[in-house]
C-alpha atoms as a PDB file:
ATOM      1  CA  MET A   1      -5.799 -17.681   9.166  1.00  0.00           C
ATOM      2  CA  LYS A   2      -2.595 -18.915   8.027  1.00  0.00           C
ATOM      3  CA  VAL A   3       0.921 -17.902   8.309  1.00  0.00           C
ATOM      4  CA  SER A   4       3.414 -19.383   6.295  1.00  0.00           C
ATOM      5  CA  ILE A   5       7.298 -18.110   7.223  1.00  0.00           C
ATOM      6  CA  LEU A   6      10.617 -18.981   5.580  1.00  0.00           C
ATOM      7  CA  SER A   7      13.031 -18.180   8.381  1.00  0.00           C
ATOM      8  CA  SER A   8      12.098 -20.244  11.638  1.00  0.00           C
ATOM      9  CA  GLY A   9      12.019 -20.100  15.425  1.00  0.00           C
ATOM     10  CA  LEU A  10      10.442 -15.993  14.812  1.00  0.00           C
ATOM     11  CA  ALA A  11       9.543 -15.060  18.242  1.00  0.00           C
ATOM     12  CA  LEU A  12       5.854 -13.776  17.117  1.00  0.00           C
ATOM     13  CA  LEU A  13       4.798 -17.721  16.993  1.00  0.00           C
ATOM     14  CA  ALA A  14       5.369 -17.689  20.932  1.00  0.00           C
ATOM     15  CA  GLN A  15       3.086 -15.006  21.458  1.00  0.00           C
ATOM     16  CA  SER A  16      -0.064 -16.271  19.849  1.00  0.00           C
ATOM     17  CA  VAL A  17      -2.962 -16.323  21.672  1.00  0.00           C
ATOM     18  CA  SER A  18      -4.223 -19.152  22.904  1.00  0.00           C
ATOM     19  CA  ALA A  19      -7.916 -19.194  20.967  1.00  0.00           C
ATOM     20  CA  ALA A  20      -5.849 -18.670  17.784  1.00  0.00           C
ATOM     21  CA  PRO A  21      -5.409 -20.920  15.199  1.00  0.00           C
ATOM     22  CA  THR A  22      -1.849 -22.175  15.072  1.00  0.00           C
ATOM     23  CA  PRO A  23       0.216 -20.556  12.196  1.00  0.00           C
ATOM     24  CA  THR A  24       2.248 -23.201   9.793  1.00  0.00           C
ATOM     25  CA  GLU A  25       5.582 -22.804   9.229  1.00  0.00           C
ATOM     26  CA  ASP A  26       6.484 -23.906   5.278  1.00  0.00           C
ATOM     27  CA  GLY A  27      10.064 -25.174   4.679  1.00  0.00           C
ATOM     28  CA  THR A  28      10.670 -23.193   1.536  1.00  0.00           C
ATOM     29  CA  VAL A  29       9.165 -20.484  -0.266  1.00  0.00           C
ATOM     30  CA  GLU A  30      10.271 -19.952  -4.189  1.00  0.00           C
ATOM     31  CA  ARG A  31      10.236 -16.141  -5.338  1.00  0.00           C
ATOM     32  CA  ALA A  32       7.749 -16.748  -7.333  1.00  0.00           C
ATOM     33  CA  ASN A  33       5.047 -17.641  -4.438  1.00  0.00           C
ATOM     34  CA  ILE A  34       5.239 -14.206  -3.616  1.00  0.00           C
ATOM     35  CA  VAL A  35       5.228 -12.580  -7.370  1.00  0.00           C
ATOM     36  CA  LYS A  36       3.411 -13.999 -10.545  1.00  0.00           C
ATOM     37  CA  ARG A  37       3.110 -12.977 -14.125  1.00  0.00           C
ATOM     38  CA  ALA A  38       0.159 -10.425 -14.057  1.00  0.00           C
ATOM     39  CA  THR A  39      -3.107 -11.045 -16.089  1.00  0.00           C
ATOM     40  CA  ILE A  40      -5.726  -8.592 -16.576  1.00  0.00           C
ATOM     41  CA  THR A  41      -8.438 -10.312 -14.722  1.00  0.00           C
ATOM     42  CA  ASP A  42      -6.240 -11.166 -11.690  1.00  0.00           C
ATOM     43  CA  VAL A  43      -8.443 -10.427  -8.315  1.00  0.00           C
ATOM     44  CA  ALA A  44      -6.838  -9.107  -5.077  1.00  0.00           C
ATOM     45  CA  SER A  45      -4.409 -12.046  -3.603  1.00  0.00           C
ATOM     46  CA  LEU A  46      -2.954 -10.146  -0.702  1.00  0.00           C
ATOM     47  CA  GLY A  47      -3.854  -8.853   2.310  1.00  0.00           C
ATOM     48  CA  TYR A  48      -6.815  -6.876   3.376  1.00  0.00           C
ATOM     49  CA  ALA A  49      -8.150  -6.152  -0.110  1.00  0.00           C
ATOM     50  CA  MET A  50      -9.421  -9.791  -0.141  1.00  0.00           C
ATOM     51  CA  GLN A  51     -11.585  -8.850   2.802  1.00  0.00           C
ATOM     52  CA  ASN A  52     -15.110  -8.080   2.134  1.00  0.00           C
ATOM     53  CA  GLY A  53     -16.002 -10.468  -0.658  1.00  0.00           C
ATOM     54  CA  GLY A  54     -12.764  -9.582  -1.967  1.00  0.00           C
ATOM     55  CA  THR A  55     -11.550  -7.249  -4.628  1.00  0.00           C
ATOM     56  CA  THR A  56     -12.168  -8.469  -8.686  1.00  0.00           C
ATOM     57  CA  GLY A  57     -11.792  -4.788 -10.109  1.00  0.00           C
ATOM     58  CA  GLY A  58     -13.196  -5.092 -13.687  1.00  0.00           C
ATOM     59  CA  LYS A  59     -13.488  -8.523 -14.242  1.00  0.00           C
ATOM     60  CA  GLY A  60     -16.020  -9.801 -15.929  1.00  0.00           C
ATOM     61  CA  GLY A  61     -16.185  -6.289 -17.851  1.00  0.00           C
ATOM     62  CA  VAL A  62     -15.009  -5.057 -21.297  1.00  0.00           C
ATOM     63  CA  THR A  63     -11.388  -4.248 -21.903  1.00  0.00           C
ATOM     64  CA  THR A  64     -10.472  -1.282 -23.503  1.00  0.00           C
ATOM     65  CA  THR A  65      -6.919   0.117 -24.120  1.00  0.00           C
ATOM     66  CA  VAL A  66      -5.833   3.312 -24.045  1.00  0.00           C
ATOM     67  CA  SER A  67      -2.904   5.786 -24.850  1.00  0.00           C
ATOM     68  CA  THR A  68      -4.190   9.409 -24.612  1.00  0.00           C
ATOM     69  CA  LEU A  69      -5.383  11.578 -21.703  1.00  0.00           C
ATOM     70  CA  ALA A  70      -8.532  11.774 -23.943  1.00  0.00           C
ATOM     71  CA  GLN A  71      -9.103   7.887 -24.144  1.00  0.00           C
ATOM     72  CA  PHE A  72      -7.940   7.826 -20.855  1.00  0.00           C
ATOM     73  CA  SER A  73     -10.410   9.877 -19.204  1.00  0.00           C
ATOM     74  CA  ALA A  74     -13.609   8.525 -21.148  1.00  0.00           C
ATOM     75  CA  ALA A  75     -12.999   5.345 -19.791  1.00  0.00           C
ATOM     76  CA  ALA A  76     -12.261   5.979 -15.796  1.00  0.00           C
ATOM     77  CA  ASP A  77     -13.535   9.217 -15.619  1.00  0.00           C
ATOM     78  CA  ASN A  78     -16.044   9.199 -12.552  1.00  0.00           C
ATOM     79  CA  SER A  79     -16.644  12.781 -12.741  1.00  0.00           C
ATOM     80  CA  LYS A  80     -20.407  12.098 -12.013  1.00  0.00           C
ATOM     81  CA  ASN A  81     -19.706   9.999  -9.130  1.00  0.00           C
ATOM     82  CA  ASN A  82     -21.821   6.939 -10.839  1.00  0.00           C
ATOM     83  CA  ASP A  83     -20.009   4.982 -12.966  1.00  0.00           C
ATOM     84  CA  ILE A  84     -20.356   1.169 -11.529  1.00  0.00           C
ATOM     85  CA  THR A  85     -19.845  -0.961 -14.979  1.00  0.00           C
ATOM     86  CA  PRO A  86     -16.858  -3.497 -14.747  1.00  0.00           C
ATOM     87  CA  ARG A  87     -14.377  -2.384 -17.240  1.00  0.00           C
ATOM     88  CA  ILE A  88     -10.903  -3.343 -17.236  1.00  0.00           C
ATOM     89  CA  ILE A  89      -8.327  -0.340 -18.741  1.00  0.00           C
ATOM     90  CA  VAL A  90      -5.348  -1.426 -20.115  1.00  0.00           C
ATOM     91  CA  VAL A  91      -2.541   1.525 -20.219  1.00  0.00           C
ATOM     92  CA  SER A  92      -0.186   1.634 -23.139  1.00  0.00           C
ATOM     93  CA  GLY A  93       2.814   4.255 -23.178  1.00  0.00           C
ATOM     94  CA  THR A  94       2.920   7.515 -21.233  1.00  0.00           C
ATOM     95  CA  ILE A  95      -0.367   9.500 -20.625  1.00  0.00           C
ATOM     96  CA  SER A  96       1.148  13.697 -19.297  1.00  0.00           C
ATOM     97  CA  GLY A  97      -1.062  16.119 -18.280  1.00  0.00           C
ATOM     98  CA  ALA A  98      -1.553  18.263 -15.333  1.00  0.00           C
ATOM     99  CA  GLN A  99      -5.288  17.133 -13.492  1.00  0.00           C
ATOM    100  CA  GLN A 100      -6.750  14.727 -11.203  1.00  0.00           C
ATOM    101  CA  VAL A 101      -9.026  11.257 -12.960  1.00  0.00           C
ATOM    102  CA  ARG A 102     -11.711  10.137 -10.909  1.00  0.00           C
ATOM    103  CA  ILE A 103     -11.905   6.228 -10.651  1.00  0.00           C
ATOM    104  CA  GLY A 104     -15.258   4.323 -10.612  1.00  0.00           C
ATOM    105  CA  SER A 105     -16.486   1.395  -8.782  1.00  0.00           C
ATOM    106  CA  ASN A 106     -15.808  -2.240 -10.720  1.00  0.00           C
ATOM    107  CA  LYS A 107     -12.312  -1.087 -12.767  1.00  0.00           C
ATOM    108  CA  THR A 108      -9.046  -2.880 -13.293  1.00  0.00           C
ATOM    109  CA  ILE A 109      -6.148  -0.469 -14.426  1.00  0.00           C
ATOM    110  CA  ILE A 110      -3.368  -2.346 -15.679  1.00  0.00           C
ATOM    111  CA  GLY A 111      -0.483  -0.884 -17.664  1.00  0.00           C
ATOM    112  CA  LEU A 112       1.639  -2.400 -20.534  1.00  0.00           C
ATOM    113  CA  PRO A 113       5.264  -2.700 -19.551  1.00  0.00           C
ATOM    114  CA  GLY A 114       6.022   0.935 -19.157  1.00  0.00           C
ATOM    115  CA  ALA A 115       2.968   1.977 -18.728  1.00  0.00           C
ATOM    116  CA  THR A 116       3.391   5.684 -17.189  1.00  0.00           C
ATOM    117  CA  PHE A 117       0.846   8.458 -15.474  1.00  0.00           C
ATOM    118  CA  ASP A 118       3.250  11.987 -15.950  1.00  0.00           C
ATOM    119  CA  GLY A 119       1.528  14.505 -13.461  1.00  0.00           C
ATOM    120  CA  ILE A 120      -1.863  12.669 -13.039  1.00  0.00           C
ATOM    121  CA  GLY A 121      -3.711  11.822 -10.216  1.00  0.00           C
ATOM    122  CA  LEU A 122      -5.740   8.847  -9.868  1.00  0.00           C
ATOM    123  CA  PHE A 123      -8.757   9.913  -7.335  1.00  0.00           C
ATOM    124  CA  VAL A 124     -11.364   6.986  -5.991  1.00  0.00           C
ATOM    125  CA  TRP A 125     -13.736   8.560  -3.838  1.00  0.00           C
ATOM    126  CA  LYS A 126     -16.873   6.619  -1.855  1.00  0.00           C
ATOM    127  CA  GLN A 127     -16.302   3.714  -4.643  1.00  0.00           C
ATOM    128  CA  SER A 128     -16.044   0.146  -4.218  1.00  0.00           C
ATOM    129  CA  ASN A 129     -13.821  -2.410  -6.082  1.00  0.00           C
ATOM    130  CA  VAL A 130     -11.047  -1.284  -7.750  1.00  0.00           C
ATOM    131  CA  ILE A 131      -7.749  -2.635  -8.850  1.00  0.00           C
ATOM    132  CA  VAL A 132      -4.402  -0.497 -10.467  1.00  0.00           C
ATOM    133  CA  ARG A 133      -1.590  -2.620 -11.302  1.00  0.00           C
ATOM    134  CA  ASN A 134       1.597  -2.015 -12.956  1.00  0.00           C
ATOM    135  CA  ILE A 135       1.690   1.411 -13.440  1.00  0.00           C
ATOM    136  CA  ILE A 136       4.416   4.044 -13.050  1.00  0.00           C
ATOM    137  CA  SER A 137       3.028   7.394 -11.733  1.00  0.00           C
ATOM    138  CA  LYS A 138       5.638  10.754 -11.224  1.00  0.00           C
ATOM    139  CA  ASN A 139       4.918  14.220 -10.667  1.00  0.00           C
ATOM    140  CA  VAL A 140       1.593  14.455  -9.268  1.00  0.00           C
ATOM    141  CA  LEU A 141       1.694  18.428  -8.094  1.00  0.00           C
ATOM    142  CA  ALA A 142       0.035  18.977  -4.889  1.00  0.00           C
ATOM    143  CA  ASP A 143      -2.847  20.820  -6.805  1.00  0.00           C
ATOM    144  CA  ASN A 144      -3.847  17.204  -8.446  1.00  0.00           C
ATOM    145  CA  GLY A 145      -3.947  15.246  -5.406  1.00  0.00           C
ATOM    146  CA  ASP A 146      -1.418  12.523  -4.367  1.00  0.00           C
ATOM    147  CA  GLY A 147      -0.085   9.149  -7.556  1.00  0.00           C
ATOM    148  CA  ILE A 148      -3.616   7.540  -5.802  1.00  0.00           C
ATOM    149  CA  THR A 149      -5.936   8.946  -3.523  1.00  0.00           C
ATOM    150  CA  ILE A 150      -8.293   6.825  -1.678  1.00  0.00           C
ATOM    151  CA  GLN A 151     -11.377   8.667   0.423  1.00  0.00           C
ATOM    152  CA  ALA A 152     -14.202   6.806   1.785  1.00  0.00           C
ATOM    153  CA  SER A 153     -14.035   3.491  -0.556  1.00  0.00           C
ATOM    154  CA  LYS A 154     -13.624   0.040   0.083  1.00  0.00           C
ATOM    155  CA  ASN A 155     -11.751  -3.192  -1.364  1.00  0.00           C
ATOM    156  CA  VAL A 156      -8.818  -1.522  -3.233  1.00  0.00           C
ATOM    157  CA  TRP A 157      -5.885  -3.107  -4.439  1.00  0.00           C
ATOM    158  CA  VAL A 158      -2.924  -1.151  -5.212  1.00  0.00           C
ATOM    159  CA  ASP A 159      -0.130  -3.664  -6.942  1.00  0.00           C
ATOM    160  CA  HIS A 160       3.109  -3.599  -8.784  1.00  0.00           C
ATOM    161  CA  CYS A 161       3.243   0.435  -9.277  1.00  0.00           C
ATOM    162  CA  GLU A 162       6.113   2.740  -8.848  1.00  0.00           C
ATOM    163  CA  PHE A 163       5.279   6.255  -7.550  1.00  0.00           C
ATOM    164  CA  TYR A 164       8.084   8.894  -7.401  1.00  0.00           C
ATOM    165  CA  SER A 165       8.621  12.941  -7.849  1.00  0.00           C
ATOM    166  CA  ASP A 166      11.721  14.317  -6.495  1.00  0.00           C
ATOM    167  CA  LEU A 167      13.270  16.246  -3.377  1.00  0.00           C
ATOM    168  CA  ASN A 168      14.227  19.135  -5.441  1.00  0.00           C
ATOM    169  CA  HIS A 169      11.027  21.038  -4.443  1.00  0.00           C
ATOM    170  CA  ASP A 170       9.363  22.288  -1.237  1.00  0.00           C
ATOM    171  CA  LYS A 171       7.930  19.148   0.582  1.00  0.00           C
ATOM    172  CA  ASP A 172       4.323  20.820   0.059  1.00  0.00           C
ATOM    173  CA  TYR A 173       5.229  21.079  -3.890  1.00  0.00           C
ATOM    174  CA  TYR A 174       4.229  17.434  -4.245  1.00  0.00           C
ATOM    175  CA  ASP A 175       1.132  15.624  -2.072  1.00  0.00           C
ATOM    176  CA  GLY A 176       1.219  11.939  -1.095  1.00  0.00           C
ATOM    177  CA  LEU A 177       2.377   8.748  -3.341  1.00  0.00           C
ATOM    178  CA  VAL A 178      -0.505   6.614  -2.112  1.00  0.00           C
ATOM    179  CA  ASP A 179      -3.058   8.221   0.747  1.00  0.00           C
ATOM    180  CA  VAL A 180      -5.693   6.231   1.835  1.00  0.00           C
ATOM    181  CA  SER A 181      -8.826   8.539   4.111  1.00  0.00           C
ATOM    182  CA  HIS A 182     -11.862   9.556   5.191  1.00  0.00           C
ATOM    183  CA  GLY A 183     -13.065   5.772   6.825  1.00  0.00           C
ATOM    184  CA  SER A 184     -11.763   3.862   3.763  1.00  0.00           C
ATOM    185  CA  GLU A 185     -11.877   0.105   4.245  1.00  0.00           C
ATOM    186  CA  TRP A 186     -10.268  -3.296   2.892  1.00  0.00           C
ATOM    187  CA  VAL A 187      -7.079  -1.802   1.311  1.00  0.00           C
ATOM    188  CA  THR A 188      -3.678  -3.211  -0.382  1.00  0.00           C
ATOM    189  CA  LEU A 189      -0.478  -1.631  -1.278  1.00  0.00           C
ATOM    190  CA  SER A 190       2.185  -4.510  -2.692  1.00  0.00           C
ATOM    191  CA  ASN A 191       4.864  -5.005  -4.995  1.00  0.00           C
ATOM    192  CA  THR A 192       5.405  -1.199  -4.539  1.00  0.00           C
ATOM    193  CA  TYR A 193       8.470   0.692  -5.475  1.00  0.00           C
ATOM    194  CA  MET A 194       8.122   4.304  -3.627  1.00  0.00           C
ATOM    195  CA  HIS A 195      10.549   6.548  -4.101  1.00  0.00           C
ATOM    196  CA  ASP A 196      12.032  10.239  -4.149  1.00  0.00           C
ATOM    197  CA  HIS A 197       9.062  11.460  -2.125  1.00  0.00           C
ATOM    198  CA  TRP A 198       8.683  13.963   0.655  1.00  0.00           C
ATOM    199  CA  LYS A 199       5.742  12.282   1.763  1.00  0.00           C
ATOM    200  CA  ALA A 200       4.942   9.040   0.901  1.00  0.00           C
ATOM    201  CA  SER A 201       1.643   7.549   2.192  1.00  0.00           C
ATOM    202  CA  LEU A 202      -1.075   8.833   4.652  1.00  0.00           C
ATOM    203  CA  ILE A 203      -3.467   6.887   6.132  1.00  0.00           C
ATOM    204  CA  GLY A 204      -5.741   9.062   8.244  1.00  0.00           C
ATOM    205  CA  HIS A 205      -5.822  12.510   7.286  1.00  0.00           C
ATOM    206  CA  SER A 206      -6.402  14.301  10.049  1.00  0.00           C
ATOM    207  CA  ASP A 207      -5.906  14.161  13.951  1.00  0.00           C
ATOM    208  CA  ASN A 208     -10.002  15.443  14.282  1.00  0.00           C
ATOM    209  CA  ASN A 209     -11.366  12.886  11.995  1.00  0.00           C
ATOM    210  CA  ALA A 210     -11.517  10.163  14.775  1.00  0.00           C
ATOM    211  CA  ALA A 211     -15.186  10.090  13.986  1.00  0.00           C
ATOM    212  CA  GLU A 212     -14.775   8.939  10.706  1.00  0.00           C
ATOM    213  CA  ASP A 213     -11.821   6.762  10.874  1.00  0.00           C
ATOM    214  CA  THR A 214     -12.006   4.795  14.347  1.00  0.00           C
ATOM    215  CA  GLY A 215     -13.064   1.194  13.510  1.00  0.00           C
ATOM    216  CA  HIS A 216     -12.099   1.776   9.399  1.00  0.00           C
ATOM    217  CA  LEU A 217      -8.449   1.879   7.445  1.00  0.00           C
ATOM    218  CA  HIS A 218      -7.830  -1.324   7.893  1.00  0.00           C
ATOM    219  CA  VAL A 219      -4.890  -1.617   5.008  1.00  0.00           C
ATOM    220  CA  THR A 220      -2.180  -4.188   4.452  1.00  0.00           C
ATOM    221  CA  GLN A 221       1.355  -3.005   2.816  1.00  0.00           C
ATOM    222  CA  CYS A 222       3.578  -5.958   1.955  1.00  0.00           C
ATOM    223  CA  ASN A 223       6.837  -6.514  -0.452  1.00  0.00           C
ATOM    224  CA  ASN A 224       7.237  -2.908  -0.797  1.00  0.00           C
ATOM    225  CA  HIS A 225      10.166  -0.933  -1.640  1.00  0.00           C
ATOM    226  CA  TRP A 226      10.870   2.322  -0.181  1.00  0.00           C
ATOM    227  CA  PHE A 227      13.916   4.045  -0.686  1.00  0.00           C
ATOM    228  CA  ASN A 228      14.997   7.836  -0.536  1.00  0.00           C
ATOM    229  CA  ILE A 229      11.557   8.842   1.471  1.00  0.00           C
ATOM    230  CA  GLY A 230      11.517  12.398   3.683  1.00  0.00           C
ATOM    231  CA  SER A 231       8.260  10.962   5.619  1.00  0.00           C
ATOM    232  CA  ARG A 232       4.984   8.639   6.139  1.00  0.00           C
ATOM    233  CA  THR A 233       6.002   4.489   5.116  1.00  0.00           C
ATOM    234  CA  PRO A 234       3.118   5.216   6.383  1.00  0.00           C
ATOM    235  CA  SER A 235       1.922   7.278   8.441  1.00  0.00           C
ATOM    236  CA  LEU A 236      -1.312   5.927  10.205  1.00  0.00           C
ATOM    237  CA  ARG A 237      -3.605   7.507  12.253  1.00  0.00           C
ATOM    238  CA  TYR A 238      -6.966   5.595  14.105  1.00  0.00           C
ATOM    239  CA  GLY A 239      -6.670   2.598  11.576  1.00  0.00           C
ATOM    240  CA  THR A 240      -4.834  -1.156  11.812  1.00  0.00           C
ATOM    241  CA  GLY A 241      -2.087  -1.288   9.875  1.00  0.00           C
ATOM    242  CA  HIS A 242      -0.138  -4.611   8.970  1.00  0.00           C
ATOM    243  CA  ILE A 243       3.322  -4.198   7.233  1.00  0.00           C
ATOM    244  CA  TYR A 244       5.360  -7.438   6.383  1.00  0.00           C
ATOM    245  CA  ASN A 245       7.998  -8.049   3.694  1.00  0.00           C
ATOM    246  CA  SER A 246       9.452  -4.696   3.189  1.00  0.00           C
ATOM    247  CA  TYR A 247      12.551  -2.813   2.554  1.00  0.00           C
ATOM    248  CA  PHE A 248      12.862   1.038   3.878  1.00  0.00           C
ATOM    249  CA  GLU A 249      16.473   2.194   2.736  1.00  0.00           C
ATOM    250  CA  ASN A 250      17.411   6.123   3.297  1.00  0.00           C
ATOM    251  CA  MET A 251      14.685   7.865   5.053  1.00  0.00           C
ATOM    252  CA  ASN A 252      14.089  10.413   7.651  1.00  0.00           C
ATOM    253  CA  THR A 253      11.327   9.150   9.707  1.00  0.00           C
ATOM    254  CA  GLY A 254       9.419   5.765   8.800  1.00  0.00           C
ATOM    255  CA  ILE A 255       6.604   3.645  10.173  1.00  0.00           C
ATOM    256  CA  ASP A 256       4.737   6.581  12.863  1.00  0.00           C
ATOM    257  CA  THR A 257       1.703   4.959  14.710  1.00  0.00           C
ATOM    258  CA  ARG A 258      -0.438   8.031  15.789  1.00  0.00           C
ATOM    259  CA  ASP A 259      -4.015   8.187  17.751  1.00  0.00           C
ATOM    260  CA  GLY A 260      -4.675   4.993  18.763  1.00  0.00           C
ATOM    261  CA  ALA A 261      -3.713   3.302  15.337  1.00  0.00           C
ATOM    262  CA  GLN A 262      -2.173  -0.308  16.131  1.00  0.00           C
ATOM    263  CA  ILE A 263       0.198  -1.689  13.402  1.00  0.00           C
ATOM    264  CA  LEU A 264       1.809  -5.129  13.057  1.00  0.00           C
ATOM    265  CA  VAL A 265       5.315  -5.086  11.674  1.00  0.00           C
ATOM    266  CA  GLN A 266       6.912  -8.267  10.022  1.00  0.00           C
ATOM    267  CA  SER A 267      10.084  -9.763   7.966  1.00  0.00           C
ATOM    268  CA  SER A 268      11.043  -6.013   7.142  1.00  0.00           C
ATOM    269  CA  VAL A 269      14.537  -4.310   6.937  1.00  0.00           C
ATOM    270  CA  PHE A 270      15.246  -0.737   7.477  1.00  0.00           C
ATOM    271  CA  VAL A 271      18.722   0.538   6.082  1.00  0.00           C
ATOM    272  CA  ASN A 272      19.896   4.127   7.058  1.00  0.00           C
ATOM    273  CA  VAL A 273      16.528   5.539   8.390  1.00  0.00           C
ATOM    274  CA  THR A 274      16.719   7.585  11.314  1.00  0.00           C
ATOM    275  CA  GLU A 275      13.861   7.095  12.869  1.00  0.00           C
ATOM    276  CA  PRO A 276      12.309   3.679  11.709  1.00  0.00           C
ATOM    277  CA  ILE A 277       9.254   2.809  13.695  1.00  0.00           C
ATOM    278  CA  ALA A 278       7.644   5.781  16.095  1.00  0.00           C
ATOM    279  CA  ALA A 279       4.695   7.907  17.327  1.00  0.00           C
ATOM    280  CA  LEU A 280       5.007  11.117  16.244  1.00  0.00           C
ATOM    281  CA  TYR A 281       3.450  14.385  15.669  1.00  0.00           C
ATOM    282  CA  SER A 282       0.202  13.710  17.326  1.00  0.00           C
ATOM    283  CA  ASP A 283      -1.087  14.467  21.134  1.00  0.00           C
ATOM    284  CA  SER A 284      -2.522  10.672  21.169  1.00  0.00           C
ATOM    285  CA  THR A 285       0.042   7.877  20.752  1.00  0.00           C
ATOM    286  CA  GLY A 286      -0.664   4.818  18.286  1.00  0.00           C
ATOM    287  CA  TYR A 287       0.923   1.514  18.711  1.00  0.00           C
ATOM    288  CA  ALA A 288       2.809  -1.034  17.015  1.00  0.00           C
ATOM    289  CA  ASN A 289       4.121  -4.690  17.697  1.00  0.00           C
ATOM    290  CA  VAL A 290       7.747  -5.263  15.780  1.00  0.00           C
ATOM    291  CA  PHE A 291       8.813  -8.987  14.806  1.00  0.00           C
ATOM    292  CA  ASP A 292      11.731 -10.166  12.812  1.00  0.00           C
ATOM    293  CA  THR A 293      12.481  -6.422  12.074  1.00  0.00           C
ATOM    294  CA  VAL A 294      16.093  -4.977  11.264  1.00  0.00           C
ATOM    295  CA  LEU A 295      16.006  -1.661  12.716  1.00  0.00           C
ATOM    296  CA  GLY A 296      19.852  -0.811  11.538  1.00  0.00           C
ATOM    297  CA  ILE A 297      20.806   2.843  13.417  1.00  0.00           C
ATOM    298  CA  GLY A 298      17.586   3.445  14.664  1.00  0.00           C
ATOM    299  CA  SER A 299      14.779   2.089  17.150  1.00  0.00           C
ATOM    300  CA  ASN A 300      11.582   1.291  17.477  1.00  0.00           C
ATOM    301  CA  THR A 301      10.277   3.809  19.906  1.00  0.00           C
ATOM    302  CA  ALA A 302       6.353   3.310  19.797  1.00  0.00           C
ATOM    303  CA  PRO A 303       4.534   1.931  22.474  1.00  0.00           C
ATOM    304  CA  VAL A 304       3.464  -2.006  22.115  1.00  0.00           C
ATOM    305  CA  GLY A 305       0.096  -2.607  20.756  1.00  0.00           C
ATOM    306  CA  THR A 306      -2.334  -5.686  20.706  1.00  0.00           C
ATOM    307  CA  LEU A 307      -1.764  -7.144  17.658  1.00  0.00           C
ATOM    308  CA  THR A 308      -0.153 -10.541  16.881  1.00  0.00           C
ATOM    309  CA  ALA A 309       0.917 -12.762  14.123  1.00  0.00           C
ATOM    310  CA  ASN A 310      -2.826 -14.417  14.129  1.00  0.00           C
ATOM    311  CA  SER A 311      -4.275 -10.948  14.117  1.00  0.00           C
ATOM    312  CA  MET A 312      -5.074 -10.743  10.588  1.00  0.00           C
ATOM    313  CA  PRO A 313      -8.317 -12.534   9.042  1.00  0.00           C
ATOM    314  CA  TYR A 314      -6.212 -13.553   5.925  1.00  0.00           C
ATOM    315  CA  SER A 315      -2.952 -15.993   5.267  1.00  0.00           C
ATOM    316  CA  TYR A 316      -0.016 -14.027   4.570  1.00  0.00           C
ATOM    317  CA  THR A 317       3.619 -15.664   3.623  1.00  0.00           C
ATOM    318  CA  LEU A 318       6.945 -13.805   5.721  1.00  0.00           C
ATOM    319  CA  LEU A 319      10.052 -14.017   3.859  1.00  0.00           C
ATOM    320  CA  GLY A 320      11.932 -13.491   6.512  1.00  0.00           C
ATOM    321  CA  SER A 321      14.260 -10.347   7.346  1.00  0.00           C
ATOM    322  CA  ALA A 322      17.499 -11.967   5.988  1.00  0.00           C
ATOM    323  CA  LYS A 323      15.602 -12.746   2.725  1.00  0.00           C
ATOM    324  CA  VAL A 324      13.747  -9.443   2.656  1.00  0.00           C
ATOM    325  CA  LYS A 325      16.705  -7.478   0.326  1.00  0.00           C
ATOM    326  CA  ALA A 326      16.925 -10.051  -2.478  1.00  0.00           C
ATOM    327  CA  SER A 327      13.172 -10.896  -2.948  1.00  0.00           C
ATOM    328  CA  VAL A 328      11.895  -7.228  -2.927  1.00  0.00           C
ATOM    329  CA  VAL A 329      14.354  -5.289  -4.268  1.00  0.00           C
ATOM    330  CA  GLY A 330      14.119  -5.200  -8.390  1.00  0.00           C
ATOM    331  CA  THR A 331      11.191  -7.047  -8.095  1.00  0.00           C
ATOM    332  CA  ALA A 332       8.763  -4.357  -6.336  1.00  0.00           C
ATOM    333  CA  GLY A 333       7.803  -1.744  -8.819  1.00  0.00           C
ATOM    334  CA  ALA A 334       5.839  -1.871 -12.391  1.00  0.00           C
ATOM    335  CA  THR A 335       7.612  -5.146 -13.214  1.00  0.00           C
ATOM    336  CA  LEU A 336       4.911  -7.455 -14.565  1.00  0.00           C
END
């Protein structure tokens, strides 16, 4: 594991265990090293989605361009839960409706500039090797799930997307933006803009699901911009979370660690967030280790856990908290 760091002298380096490899420092990190132009055959290059053999999506499969719900459903719908054929689905324009579409294994869903799902929830259930990039998702009603629901699935990369609804309705009118549950593994949410929503990202759906979730739910969330959110950025039960290079603004509660979850938070900034990092709402606490993170008006009240900079099984680049806003805001989102 290698950590590249823009800012120098981080306290986390001093806390490395002696048996772990020593992180290296890069003198400079250009913005282009964090974000690059997409191709439809890109594979996961960030976080836990690189584990377990990596996440390649539909690479090597047929490419199909869709612009209507009927076309998208025909290309992506996995209603029989048996579609494993590699396929790259390019989304053009706005696709509207009020339903949930199941996505099969070995799929890449990538949007052309401005590609939008309006009211359409994506559901990845008992699948593996799925990539979703450069998609705007908005206004998915609770009856149709979340913007993306990931359950009992492995190797999912959500990158350079935008998810939102509004704060004008009751908090249960919509559900989540990106939720991960039921023992899912090796998931990365990166370079994504999430805003104007009550409950953003739930990882681990229930306090009563320890048997299925314990030892699973390895999720990375990095280079993300969270704005005008009520809570769950994320809320994590049982699993292991890595959150870095992220900018959180105008929120009630932010990162919530629960039911034995371990979270490593690095190189991030909270602005006008009442409770940035805490262990809330469950009888059994979770844990967080926090380094080079600006907490603003709030504080970190979560118990200290076991994770260090060298705990992650993959290499990653830290911007340093002083550079997060300039690098993430305006770049996170469907900007490829």
